[in-house]
Amino acid sequence: MTPSFIDLSHHNWDGRRRLDFGKAKNSGIAGVVYKATEGATYVDPFLARTRQAVKAAGLLWGVYHFATAAPAAAQAANFLAQAEPDDQTFVALDFEHNDPHPTNTTTPAIARDLLQRFEIALGRKPKLYTGAFMFTCFGSRPQPDLAAYRPWWAAYTTQAPRVHPTWDSYWAWQYSDGAAGAGVKDVPGIGPCDCDYFPGSAAELAAAWA
């Protein structure tokens, strides 16, 4: 499996080298999604630098917000002010367990509130990045109010993942974190990173990106 797009954060800027998004594009990568914010106050220190470099390379640009237990209004304000998404920007909410800080894990109610706030601000629905946390929160019960948000599903498996019954299938599949999972994990110009597969052509991905 080869990645259609990649997602990054400050962890990928290791201080020893510069990321080369031109090389990534030449390898077949169509876009980059970057962690812009987390919670009510955190802003990724490499956000502006990455945005400039990705756009200069002619790649599709996207941003996501890592949800925490902070009030949704403050989280939404942080994301929208810092990410500055336009109508061509991929936008996603990261709804998962907060492994480093479990007591700061978001809740379904906060996630729903954030999705609605993003949708109102953007005039379109954001993507929903999630995975096994859906089963943790809801068991196998479909969630009709989340079904309209396209699932960007995380599962580092060798087989096509089992998504939550809320959806029939994934919109995109994060199949590797740069170490676990099958397929290509080391992207030219970037190195090992989160790799994502879109089940369609590059033109279809571009059309569905924002």
N, C-alpha and C. Protein backbone atom coordinates (compact mmCIF):
# COMPACT_ATOMS: atom_id res chain seq x y z
N MET A 1 0.84 -1.19 0.00
CA MET A 1 0.00 0.00 0.00
C MET A 1 0.88 1.24 0.00
N THR A 2 0.50 2.24 -0.76
CA THR A 2 1.23 3.51 -0.80
C THR A 2 0.32 4.64 -0.33
N PRO A 3 0.90 5.66 0.30
CA PRO A 3 0.06 6.73 0.84
C PRO A 3 -0.45 7.68 -0.24
N SER A 4 -1.69 8.12 -0.07
CA SER A 4 -2.25 9.17 -0.92
C SER A 4 -1.90 10.54 -0.36
N PHE A 5 -1.92 10.63 0.96
CA PHE A 5 -1.50 11.86 1.65
C PHE A 5 -0.87 11.48 2.97
N ILE A 6 -0.25 12.44 3.61
CA ILE A 6 0.40 12.20 4.90
C ILE A 6 -0.11 13.21 5.91
N ASP A 7 0.01 12.86 7.20
CA ASP A 7 -0.32 13.85 8.22
C ASP A 7 0.85 13.95 9.19
N LEU A 8 1.13 15.19 9.59
CA LEU A 8 2.34 15.53 10.32
C LEU A 8 2.04 16.42 11.51
N SER A 9 3.06 16.60 12.34
CA SER A 9 3.01 17.55 13.44
C SER A 9 4.43 18.00 13.74
N HIS A 10 4.62 18.74 14.82
CA HIS A 10 5.96 19.20 15.17
C HIS A 10 6.94 18.04 15.40
N HIS A 11 6.42 16.85 15.70
CA HIS A 11 7.29 15.70 15.92
C HIS A 11 8.10 15.36 14.66
N ASN A 12 7.58 15.73 13.50
CA ASN A 12 8.29 15.42 12.25
C ASN A 12 9.41 16.40 11.94
N TRP A 13 9.41 17.54 12.64
CA TRP A 13 10.52 18.48 12.51
C TRP A 13 11.50 18.16 13.64
N ASP A 14 12.45 17.27 13.37
CA ASP A 14 13.31 16.78 14.44
C ASP A 14 14.55 17.64 14.67
N GLY A 15 14.69 18.72 13.94
CA GLY A 15 15.80 19.64 14.16
C GLY A 15 17.09 19.26 13.44
N ARG A 16 17.13 18.08 12.86
CA ARG A 16 18.35 17.62 12.20
C ARG A 16 18.31 17.83 10.69
N ARG A 17 17.10 18.04 10.16
CA ARG A 17 16.98 18.18 8.70
C ARG A 17 15.74 19.01 8.39
N ARG A 18 15.69 19.51 7.19
CA ARG A 18 14.51 20.24 6.73
C ARG A 18 13.62 19.27 5.95
N LEU A 19 12.34 19.37 6.16
CA LEU A 19 11.42 18.54 5.39
C LEU A 19 11.36 19.08 3.96
N ASP A 20 11.36 18.18 3.00
CA ASP A 20 11.35 18.56 1.59
C ASP A 20 10.04 18.10 0.97
N PHE A 21 9.10 19.02 0.89
CA PHE A 21 7.77 18.67 0.40
C PHE A 21 7.75 18.50 -1.12
N GLY A 22 8.73 19.08 -1.81
CA GLY A 22 8.84 18.84 -3.23
C GLY A 22 9.15 17.39 -3.52
N LYS A 23 10.06 16.79 -2.75
CA LYS A 23 10.37 15.37 -2.91
C LYS A 23 9.15 14.51 -2.59
N ALA A 24 8.43 14.91 -1.57
CA ALA A 24 7.22 14.16 -1.20
C ALA A 24 6.21 14.18 -2.35
N LYS A 25 6.01 15.35 -2.95
CA LYS A 25 5.08 15.44 -4.07
C LYS A 25 5.55 14.59 -5.24
N ASN A 26 6.83 14.64 -5.54
CA ASN A 26 7.36 13.87 -6.66
C ASN A 26 7.23 12.36 -6.44
N SER A 27 7.13 11.95 -5.19
CA SER A 27 6.97 10.53 -4.89
C SER A 27 5.53 10.06 -5.05
N GLY A 28 4.60 11.01 -5.27
CA GLY A 28 3.21 10.65 -5.45
C GLY A 28 2.27 11.13 -4.37
N ILE A 29 2.81 11.78 -3.34
CA ILE A 29 1.97 12.32 -2.27
C ILE A 29 1.15 13.49 -2.83
N ALA A 30 -0.16 13.48 -2.53
CA ALA A 30 -1.04 14.53 -3.06
C ALA A 30 -1.26 15.67 -2.07
N GLY A 31 -1.18 15.38 -0.77
CA GLY A 31 -1.50 16.41 0.20
C GLY A 31 -0.89 16.15 1.55
N VAL A 32 -0.93 17.17 2.38
CA VAL A 32 -0.42 17.11 3.75
C VAL A 32 -1.47 17.67 4.68
N VAL A 33 -1.76 16.93 5.76
CA VAL A 33 -2.64 17.41 6.82
C VAL A 33 -1.78 17.61 8.06
N TYR A 34 -1.90 18.76 8.68
CA TYR A 34 -1.00 19.12 9.78
C TYR A 34 -1.80 19.39 11.05
N LYS A 35 -1.22 18.96 12.17
CA LYS A 35 -1.84 19.25 13.47
C LYS A 35 -1.66 20.73 13.77
N ALA A 36 -2.75 21.48 13.77
CA ALA A 36 -2.66 22.91 14.02
C ALA A 36 -2.71 23.24 15.50
N THR A 37 -3.67 22.64 16.20
CA THR A 37 -3.94 23.02 17.58
C THR A 37 -4.37 21.82 18.41
N GLU A 38 -4.32 22.01 19.72
CA GLU A 38 -4.81 21.01 20.67
C GLU A 38 -5.44 21.75 21.84
N GLY A 39 -6.64 21.30 22.20
CA GLY A 39 -7.30 21.93 23.34
C GLY A 39 -7.58 23.41 23.13
N ALA A 40 -7.59 24.15 24.24
CA ALA A 40 -8.00 25.55 24.19
C ALA A 40 -6.84 26.51 23.95
N THR A 41 -5.58 26.05 24.10
CA THR A 41 -4.47 26.99 24.05
C THR A 41 -3.29 26.56 23.20
N TYR A 42 -3.09 25.26 22.98
CA TYR A 42 -1.87 24.82 22.31
C TYR A 42 -1.94 25.10 20.81
N VAL A 43 -0.82 25.62 20.28
CA VAL A 43 -0.65 25.84 18.84
C VAL A 43 0.66 25.19 18.43
N ASP A 44 0.64 24.38 17.38
CA ASP A 44 1.86 23.74 16.93
C ASP A 44 2.86 24.80 16.48
N PRO A 45 4.09 24.78 17.01
CA PRO A 45 5.04 25.86 16.70
C PRO A 45 5.51 25.88 15.25
N PHE A 46 5.30 24.79 14.51
CA PHE A 46 5.74 24.73 13.12
C PHE A 46 4.58 24.88 12.13
N LEU A 47 3.42 25.29 12.63
CA LEU A 47 2.23 25.39 11.78
C LEU A 47 2.46 26.32 10.60
N ALA A 48 2.83 27.56 10.85
CA ALA A 48 2.97 28.55 9.77
C ALA A 48 4.07 28.14 8.79
N ARG A 49 5.18 27.63 9.32
CA ARG A 49 6.29 27.21 8.47
C ARG A 49 5.88 26.06 7.55
N THR A 50 5.13 25.12 8.11
CA THR A 50 4.70 23.98 7.32
C THR A 50 3.69 24.39 6.26
N ARG A 51 2.74 25.21 6.63
CA ARG A 51 1.74 25.69 5.67
C ARG A 51 2.41 26.34 4.47
N GLN A 52 3.36 27.21 4.72
CA GLN A 52 4.05 27.91 3.64
C GLN A 52 4.78 26.91 2.74
N ALA A 53 5.48 25.95 3.35
CA ALA A 53 6.27 25.01 2.56
C ALA A 53 5.39 24.06 1.76
N VAL A 54 4.30 23.61 2.35
CA VAL A 54 3.40 22.69 1.65
C VAL A 54 2.76 23.38 0.46
N LYS A 55 2.28 24.59 0.65
CA LYS A 55 1.64 25.30 -0.45
C LYS A 55 2.65 25.66 -1.54
N ALA A 56 3.88 25.99 -1.14
CA ALA A 56 4.91 26.32 -2.12
C ALA A 56 5.24 25.11 -3.00
N ALA A 57 5.09 23.91 -2.43
CA ALA A 57 5.36 22.69 -3.19
C ALA A 57 4.20 22.28 -4.09
N GLY A 58 3.08 22.97 -3.96
CA GLY A 58 1.92 22.66 -4.80
C GLY A 58 1.11 21.48 -4.31
N LEU A 59 1.22 21.16 -3.02
CA LEU A 59 0.45 20.07 -2.43
C LEU A 59 -0.85 20.59 -1.83
N LEU A 60 -1.83 19.71 -1.71
CA LEU A 60 -3.05 20.03 -1.00
C LEU A 60 -2.72 20.25 0.47
N TRP A 61 -3.40 21.23 1.08
CA TRP A 61 -3.10 21.60 2.47
C TRP A 61 -4.30 21.32 3.36
N GLY A 62 -3.99 20.75 4.54
CA GLY A 62 -5.05 20.48 5.49
C GLY A 62 -4.58 20.66 6.93
N VAL A 63 -5.54 20.82 7.82
CA VAL A 63 -5.24 21.01 9.24
C VAL A 63 -6.23 20.21 10.08
N TYR A 64 -5.76 19.84 11.28
CA TYR A 64 -6.69 19.18 12.21
C TYR A 64 -6.49 19.70 13.62
N HIS A 65 -7.52 19.50 14.42
CA HIS A 65 -7.51 19.91 15.83
C HIS A 65 -7.64 18.69 16.70
N PHE A 66 -6.74 18.54 17.68
CA PHE A 66 -6.80 17.44 18.63
C PHE A 66 -7.69 17.86 19.79
N ALA A 67 -8.82 17.19 19.93
CA ALA A 67 -9.80 17.55 20.95
C ALA A 67 -9.37 17.07 22.33
N THR A 68 -9.63 17.90 23.33
CA THR A 68 -9.35 17.56 24.72
C THR A 68 -10.63 17.75 25.55
N ALA A 69 -10.47 17.74 26.86
CA ALA A 69 -11.63 17.92 27.75
C ALA A 69 -11.97 19.38 27.98
N ALA A 70 -11.23 20.31 27.40
CA ALA A 70 -11.51 21.73 27.57
C ALA A 70 -12.85 22.09 26.94
N PRO A 71 -13.47 23.20 27.37
CA PRO A 71 -14.75 23.62 26.79
C PRO A 71 -14.66 23.76 25.27
N ALA A 72 -15.69 23.30 24.59
CA ALA A 72 -15.68 23.30 23.12
C ALA A 72 -15.54 24.70 22.55
N ALA A 73 -16.17 25.68 23.14
CA ALA A 73 -16.10 27.03 22.61
C ALA A 73 -14.67 27.54 22.57
N ALA A 74 -13.91 27.30 23.64
CA ALA A 74 -12.53 27.75 23.69
C ALA A 74 -11.66 26.97 22.71
N GLN A 75 -11.91 25.68 22.57
CA GLN A 75 -11.14 24.88 21.62
C GLN A 75 -11.39 25.33 20.18
N ALA A 76 -12.66 25.56 19.85
CA ALA A 76 -13.00 25.99 18.50
C ALA A 76 -12.37 27.34 18.18
N ALA A 77 -12.41 28.24 19.15
CA ALA A 77 -11.82 29.57 18.94
C ALA A 77 -10.32 29.46 18.69
N ASN A 78 -9.65 28.60 19.45
CA ASN A 78 -8.22 28.41 19.28
C ASN A 78 -7.91 27.88 17.88
N PHE A 79 -8.62 26.86 17.47
CA PHE A 79 -8.37 26.26 16.16
C PHE A 79 -8.63 27.24 15.02
N LEU A 80 -9.78 27.85 15.02
CA LEU A 80 -10.17 28.70 13.90
C LEU A 80 -9.26 29.93 13.78
N ALA A 81 -8.80 30.46 14.91
CA ALA A 81 -7.92 31.62 14.88
C ALA A 81 -6.54 31.26 14.38
N GLN A 82 -6.05 30.09 14.74
CA GLN A 82 -4.67 29.73 14.41
C GLN A 82 -4.56 29.01 13.06
N ALA A 83 -5.52 28.14 12.76
CA ALA A 83 -5.45 27.36 11.52
C ALA A 83 -5.83 28.19 10.30
N GLU A 84 -6.72 29.17 10.47
CA GLU A 84 -7.16 30.05 9.40
C GLU A 84 -7.55 29.28 8.14
N PRO A 85 -8.44 28.29 8.25
CA PRO A 85 -8.78 27.49 7.08
C PRO A 85 -9.61 28.27 6.06
N ASP A 86 -9.23 28.16 4.79
CA ASP A 86 -10.03 28.76 3.73
C ASP A 86 -10.87 27.67 3.08
N ASP A 87 -11.53 28.00 1.97
CA ASP A 87 -12.46 27.03 1.38
C ASP A 87 -11.76 25.91 0.63
N GLN A 88 -10.43 25.95 0.56
CA GLN A 88 -9.66 24.88 -0.08
C GLN A 88 -8.93 24.02 0.95
N THR A 89 -9.11 24.31 2.22
CA THR A 89 -8.36 23.63 3.28
C THR A 89 -9.12 22.43 3.82
N PHE A 90 -8.46 21.29 3.83
CA PHE A 90 -8.97 20.10 4.52
C PHE A 90 -9.01 20.42 6.01
N VAL A 91 -10.14 20.11 6.65
CA VAL A 91 -10.28 20.34 8.09
C VAL A 91 -10.82 19.07 8.74
N ALA A 92 -10.19 18.68 9.84
CA ALA A 92 -10.65 17.49 10.56
C ALA A 92 -10.57 17.71 12.07
N LEU A 93 -11.43 17.00 12.77
CA LEU A 93 -11.40 16.93 14.23
C LEU A 93 -10.82 15.59 14.61
N ASP A 94 -9.82 15.60 15.49
CA ASP A 94 -9.19 14.38 15.99
C ASP A 94 -9.91 13.96 17.27
N PHE A 95 -10.67 12.87 17.17
CA PHE A 95 -11.48 12.35 18.28
C PHE A 95 -10.89 11.00 18.70
N GLU A 96 -10.05 11.03 19.72
CA GLU A 96 -9.38 9.82 20.18
C GLU A 96 -9.02 9.94 21.65
N HIS A 97 -8.61 8.81 22.22
CA HIS A 97 -8.14 8.81 23.60
C HIS A 97 -6.84 9.57 23.70
N ASN A 98 -6.70 10.38 24.74
CA ASN A 98 -5.50 11.17 24.95
C ASN A 98 -4.52 10.33 25.76
N ASP A 99 -3.71 9.54 25.07
CA ASP A 99 -2.82 8.60 25.76
C ASP A 99 -1.84 9.27 26.72
N PRO A 100 -1.18 10.36 26.32
CA PRO A 100 -0.23 10.97 27.26
C PRO A 100 -0.91 11.56 28.50
N HIS A 101 -2.16 12.02 28.32
CA HIS A 101 -2.88 12.70 29.41
C HIS A 101 -4.32 12.20 29.45
N PRO A 102 -4.54 10.98 29.96
CA PRO A 102 -5.88 10.38 29.88
C PRO A 102 -6.97 11.18 30.56
N THR A 103 -6.65 11.92 31.61
CA THR A 103 -7.68 12.71 32.28
C THR A 103 -8.11 13.90 31.45
N ASN A 104 -7.36 14.20 30.40
CA ASN A 104 -7.71 15.30 29.50
C ASN A 104 -8.31 14.80 28.19
N THR A 105 -8.79 13.57 28.19
CA THR A 105 -9.43 13.01 27.00
C THR A 105 -10.77 13.70 26.75
N THR A 106 -11.05 13.97 25.50
CA THR A 106 -12.32 14.61 25.16
C THR A 106 -13.49 13.66 25.39
N THR A 107 -14.69 14.17 25.24
CA THR A 107 -15.92 13.38 25.40
C THR A 107 -16.73 13.44 24.11
N PRO A 108 -17.66 12.50 23.92
CA PRO A 108 -18.52 12.59 22.74
C PRO A 108 -19.29 13.91 22.67
N ALA A 109 -19.73 14.42 23.82
CA ALA A 109 -20.49 15.68 23.80
C ALA A 109 -19.62 16.84 23.32
N ILE A 110 -18.39 16.90 23.79
CA ILE A 110 -17.48 17.96 23.35
C ILE A 110 -17.17 17.81 21.87
N ALA A 111 -16.92 16.57 21.43
CA ALA A 111 -16.62 16.35 20.01
C ALA A 111 -17.78 16.78 19.13
N ARG A 112 -18.99 16.43 19.52
CA ARG A 112 -20.15 16.84 18.73
C ARG A 112 -20.27 18.35 18.67
N ASP A 113 -20.04 19.00 19.80
CA ASP A 113 -20.10 20.46 19.86
C ASP A 113 -19.04 21.07 18.94
N LEU A 114 -17.83 20.52 18.96
CA LEU A 114 -16.77 21.04 18.10
C LEU A 114 -17.09 20.85 16.63
N LEU A 115 -17.59 19.68 16.27
CA LEU A 115 -17.96 19.44 14.87
C LEU A 115 -18.99 20.46 14.39
N GLN A 116 -19.96 20.74 15.23
CA GLN A 116 -20.99 21.70 14.85
C GLN A 116 -20.42 23.12 14.73
N ARG A 117 -19.54 23.48 15.66
CA ARG A 117 -18.93 24.80 15.59
C ARG A 117 -18.05 24.96 14.35
N PHE A 118 -17.29 23.92 14.04
CA PHE A 118 -16.47 23.97 12.83
C PHE A 118 -17.36 24.08 11.59
N GLU A 119 -18.43 23.31 11.57
CA GLU A 119 -19.32 23.31 10.41
C GLU A 119 -19.96 24.67 10.20
N ILE A 120 -20.37 25.29 11.27
CA ILE A 120 -20.98 26.63 11.16
C ILE A 120 -19.95 27.64 10.66
N ALA A 121 -18.75 27.58 11.20
CA ALA A 121 -17.71 28.54 10.81
C ALA A 121 -17.25 28.33 9.37
N LEU A 122 -17.17 27.07 8.94
CA LEU A 122 -16.64 26.75 7.62
C LEU A 122 -17.69 26.78 6.52
N GLY A 123 -18.94 26.53 6.90
CA GLY A 123 -19.99 26.39 5.90
C GLY A 123 -19.96 25.04 5.21
N ARG A 124 -19.29 24.09 5.83
CA ARG A 124 -19.21 22.72 5.31
C ARG A 124 -18.83 21.80 6.47
N LYS A 125 -19.00 20.51 6.27
CA LYS A 125 -18.70 19.57 7.34
C LYS A 125 -17.21 19.22 7.36
N PRO A 126 -16.59 19.23 8.54
CA PRO A 126 -15.21 18.76 8.64
C PRO A 126 -15.17 17.24 8.57
N LYS A 127 -13.97 16.69 8.38
CA LYS A 127 -13.77 15.25 8.49
C LYS A 127 -13.65 14.89 9.97
N LEU A 128 -13.86 13.62 10.27
CA LEU A 128 -13.73 13.14 11.64
C LEU A 128 -12.64 12.07 11.68
N TYR A 129 -11.51 12.41 12.29
CA TYR A 129 -10.43 11.45 12.47
C TYR A 129 -10.71 10.67 13.76
N THR A 130 -10.77 9.35 13.63
CA THR A 130 -11.04 8.52 14.80
C THR A 130 -10.66 7.09 14.47
N GLY A 131 -10.97 6.20 15.40
CA GLY A 131 -10.65 4.78 15.22
C GLY A 131 -11.31 3.98 16.32
N ALA A 132 -10.53 3.16 17.00
CA ALA A 132 -11.07 2.27 18.03
C ALA A 132 -11.78 3.02 19.15
N PHE A 133 -11.46 4.29 19.33
CA PHE A 133 -12.11 5.09 20.37
C PHE A 133 -13.62 5.15 20.16
N MET A 134 -14.07 5.06 18.92
CA MET A 134 -15.52 5.01 18.65
C MET A 134 -16.16 3.82 19.34
N PHE A 135 -15.49 2.66 19.30
CA PHE A 135 -16.02 1.47 19.97
C PHE A 135 -15.96 1.64 21.48
N THR A 136 -14.92 2.31 21.98
CA THR A 136 -14.81 2.57 23.41
C THR A 136 -15.98 3.42 23.90
N CYS A 137 -16.32 4.42 23.12
CA CYS A 137 -17.37 5.36 23.53
C CYS A 137 -18.78 4.82 23.31
N PHE A 138 -18.97 4.10 22.22
CA PHE A 138 -20.34 3.77 21.80
C PHE A 138 -20.60 2.28 21.65
N GLY A 139 -19.62 1.44 21.94
CA GLY A 139 -19.80 0.03 21.64
C GLY A 139 -20.00 -0.14 20.14
N SER A 140 -20.97 -0.95 19.76
CA SER A 140 -21.27 -1.15 18.34
C SER A 140 -22.56 -0.44 17.92
N ARG A 141 -22.97 0.54 18.70
CA ARG A 141 -24.20 1.27 18.40
C ARG A 141 -23.92 2.38 17.39
N PRO A 142 -24.57 2.35 16.22
CA PRO A 142 -24.38 3.44 15.25
C PRO A 142 -24.78 4.78 15.84
N GLN A 143 -24.09 5.82 15.42
CA GLN A 143 -24.36 7.18 15.88
C GLN A 143 -24.83 8.02 14.69
N PRO A 144 -26.16 8.09 14.48
CA PRO A 144 -26.68 8.76 13.28
C PRO A 144 -26.21 10.20 13.11
N ASP A 145 -26.00 10.91 14.22
CA ASP A 145 -25.60 12.31 14.10
C ASP A 145 -24.15 12.46 13.68
N LEU A 146 -23.36 11.40 13.75
CA LEU A 146 -21.97 11.45 13.29
C LEU A 146 -21.80 10.88 11.89
N ALA A 147 -22.82 10.20 11.41
CA ALA A 147 -22.71 9.49 10.13
C ALA A 147 -22.44 10.43 8.95
N ALA A 148 -22.85 11.68 9.05
CA ALA A 148 -22.68 12.62 7.95
C ALA A 148 -21.25 13.16 7.85
N TYR A 149 -20.44 12.91 8.87
CA TYR A 149 -19.05 13.36 8.85
C TYR A 149 -18.18 12.25 8.29
N ARG A 150 -17.43 12.55 7.24
CA ARG A 150 -16.63 11.51 6.59
C ARG A 150 -15.54 11.00 7.52
N PRO A 151 -15.47 9.68 7.70
CA PRO A 151 -14.52 9.13 8.67
C PRO A 151 -13.11 8.94 8.09
N TRP A 152 -12.17 9.57 8.74
CA TRP A 152 -10.74 9.36 8.47
C TRP A 152 -10.29 8.39 9.56
N TRP A 153 -10.17 7.11 9.19
CA TRP A 153 -10.09 6.02 10.16
C TRP A 153 -8.65 5.58 10.40
N ALA A 154 -8.26 5.49 11.67
CA ALA A 154 -6.92 5.07 12.05
C ALA A 154 -6.93 3.61 12.48
N ALA A 155 -6.14 2.78 11.80
CA ALA A 155 -5.99 1.37 12.17
C ALA A 155 -4.74 0.83 11.50
N TYR A 156 -3.76 0.46 12.30
CA TYR A 156 -2.47 0.01 11.76
C TYR A 156 -2.50 -1.51 11.59
N THR A 157 -3.21 -1.93 10.58
CA THR A 157 -3.45 -3.35 10.32
C THR A 157 -2.98 -3.70 8.91
N THR A 158 -2.92 -5.00 8.65
CA THR A 158 -2.53 -5.44 7.31
C THR A 158 -3.74 -5.68 6.43
N GLN A 159 -4.91 -5.72 7.02
CA GLN A 159 -6.16 -5.91 6.29
C GLN A 159 -6.97 -4.62 6.33
N ALA A 160 -7.90 -4.48 5.40
CA ALA A 160 -8.80 -3.32 5.43
C ALA A 160 -9.48 -3.26 6.80
N PRO A 161 -9.53 -2.10 7.43
CA PRO A 161 -10.00 -2.02 8.81
C PRO A 161 -11.51 -2.19 8.95
N ARG A 162 -11.89 -2.64 10.11
CA ARG A 162 -13.30 -2.68 10.49
C ARG A 162 -13.65 -1.33 11.09
N VAL A 163 -14.48 -0.56 10.39
CA VAL A 163 -14.87 0.75 10.91
C VAL A 163 -16.10 0.60 11.79
N HIS A 164 -16.38 1.63 12.55
CA HIS A 164 -17.54 1.61 13.43
C HIS A 164 -18.83 1.51 12.60
N PRO A 165 -19.85 0.82 13.11
CA PRO A 165 -21.11 0.67 12.35
C PRO A 165 -21.82 1.98 12.02
N THR A 166 -21.34 3.08 12.55
CA THR A 166 -21.88 4.39 12.16
C THR A 166 -21.72 4.61 10.66
N TRP A 167 -20.67 4.02 10.07
CA TRP A 167 -20.38 4.19 8.64
C TRP A 167 -20.29 2.84 7.93
N ASP A 168 -20.48 2.86 6.64
CA ASP A 168 -20.31 1.65 5.84
C ASP A 168 -18.84 1.36 5.57
N SER A 169 -18.04 2.42 5.42
CA SER A 169 -16.63 2.26 5.13
C SER A 169 -15.91 3.54 5.52
N TYR A 170 -14.60 3.53 5.41
CA TYR A 170 -13.82 4.73 5.70
C TYR A 170 -13.81 5.65 4.50
N TRP A 171 -13.60 6.95 4.76
CA TRP A 171 -13.33 7.91 3.69
C TRP A 171 -11.85 7.85 3.33
N ALA A 172 -11.02 7.86 4.35
CA ALA A 172 -9.59 7.65 4.20
C ALA A 172 -9.12 6.81 5.37
N TRP A 173 -8.01 6.12 5.16
CA TRP A 173 -7.51 5.17 6.16
C TRP A 173 -6.06 5.52 6.52
N GLN A 174 -5.84 5.89 7.77
CA GLN A 174 -4.48 6.06 8.27
C GLN A 174 -3.96 4.67 8.62
N TYR A 175 -3.16 4.11 7.72
CA TYR A 175 -2.78 2.71 7.85
C TYR A 175 -1.46 2.52 8.57
N SER A 176 -0.73 3.61 8.80
CA SER A 176 0.55 3.49 9.49
C SER A 176 0.87 4.78 10.24
N ASP A 177 1.60 4.62 11.35
CA ASP A 177 2.10 5.77 12.09
C ASP A 177 3.58 6.01 11.80
N GLY A 178 4.07 5.36 10.74
CA GLY A 178 5.48 5.47 10.40
C GLY A 178 6.30 4.30 10.92
N ALA A 179 5.68 3.48 11.77
CA ALA A 179 6.36 2.30 12.31
C ALA A 179 5.46 1.08 12.19
N ALA A 180 4.30 1.12 12.80
CA ALA A 180 3.35 0.01 12.72
C ALA A 180 2.53 0.11 11.44
N GLY A 181 1.90 -1.02 11.07
CA GLY A 181 1.07 -1.04 9.87
C GLY A 181 1.82 -1.58 8.67
N ALA A 182 1.06 -1.84 7.61
CA ALA A 182 1.65 -2.43 6.41
C ALA A 182 1.84 -1.36 5.34
N GLY A 183 2.74 -1.65 4.39
CA GLY A 183 2.90 -0.75 3.25
C GLY A 183 3.98 0.29 3.48
N VAL A 184 4.01 1.28 2.58
CA VAL A 184 5.02 2.33 2.62
C VAL A 184 4.83 3.20 3.86
N LYS A 185 5.93 3.42 4.59
CA LYS A 185 5.88 4.24 5.80
C LYS A 185 6.89 5.37 5.77
N ASP A 186 7.87 5.26 4.88
CA ASP A 186 8.96 6.22 4.80
C ASP A 186 8.80 7.01 3.50
N VAL A 187 8.45 8.28 3.62
CA VAL A 187 8.15 9.11 2.46
C VAL A 187 9.36 9.95 2.08
N PRO A 188 9.76 9.95 0.82
CA PRO A 188 10.90 10.77 0.39
C PRO A 188 10.73 12.23 0.79
N GLY A 189 11.79 12.79 1.35
CA GLY A 189 11.76 14.18 1.78
C GLY A 189 11.19 14.39 3.16
N ILE A 190 10.53 13.38 3.70
CA ILE A 190 9.85 13.51 4.99
C ILE A 190 10.40 12.51 6.01
N GLY A 191 10.58 11.26 5.59
CA GLY A 191 10.98 10.20 6.49
C GLY A 191 9.77 9.41 6.97
N PRO A 192 9.94 8.56 7.97
CA PRO A 192 8.80 7.80 8.51
C PRO A 192 7.75 8.75 9.07
N CYS A 193 6.49 8.51 8.74
CA CYS A 193 5.44 9.43 9.17
C CYS A 193 4.08 8.74 9.08
N ASP A 194 3.07 9.41 9.58
CA ASP A 194 1.70 8.92 9.45
C ASP A 194 1.31 8.91 7.97
N CYS A 195 0.90 7.75 7.49
CA CYS A 195 0.57 7.60 6.07
C CYS A 195 -0.90 7.24 5.90
N ASP A 196 -1.52 7.83 4.90
CA ASP A 196 -2.96 7.73 4.73
C ASP A 196 -3.32 7.34 3.30
N TYR A 197 -4.26 6.41 3.21
CA TYR A 197 -4.71 5.89 1.93
C TYR A 197 -6.12 6.37 1.62
N PHE A 198 -6.30 6.87 0.40
CA PHE A 198 -7.62 7.27 -0.08
C PHE A 198 -8.02 6.34 -1.21
N PRO A 199 -9.18 5.70 -1.13
CA PRO A 199 -9.57 4.71 -2.14
C PRO A 199 -10.16 5.34 -3.39
N GLY A 200 -9.36 6.10 -4.10
CA GLY A 200 -9.82 6.75 -5.31
C GLY A 200 -8.64 7.38 -6.02
N SER A 201 -8.91 8.05 -7.12
CA SER A 201 -7.84 8.69 -7.90
C SER A 201 -7.40 9.99 -7.24
N ALA A 202 -6.27 10.52 -7.72
CA ALA A 202 -5.78 11.80 -7.22
C ALA A 202 -6.79 12.91 -7.50
N ALA A 203 -7.46 12.84 -8.65
CA ALA A 203 -8.47 13.85 -8.97
C ALA A 203 -9.66 13.76 -8.02
N GLU A 204 -10.05 12.53 -7.69
CA GLU A 204 -11.16 12.34 -6.75
C GLU A 204 -10.80 12.82 -5.35
N LEU A 205 -9.56 12.58 -4.95
CA LEU A 205 -9.11 13.08 -3.65
C LEU A 205 -9.13 14.59 -3.62
N ALA A 206 -8.62 15.23 -4.66
CA ALA A 206 -8.61 16.69 -4.71
C ALA A 206 -10.02 17.26 -4.66
N ALA A 207 -10.96 16.59 -5.34
CA ALA A 207 -12.33 17.07 -5.36
C ALA A 207 -13.01 16.94 -4.00
N ALA A 208 -12.60 15.93 -3.25
CA ALA A 208 -13.22 15.67 -1.94
C ALA A 208 -12.42 16.25 -0.79
N TRP A 209 -11.30 16.87 -1.09
CA TRP A 209 -10.35 17.29 -0.06
C TRP A 209 -10.95 18.25 0.96
N ALA A 210 -11.54 19.33 0.50
CA ALA A 210 -12.07 20.34 1.42
C ALA A 210 -13.56 20.18 1.67
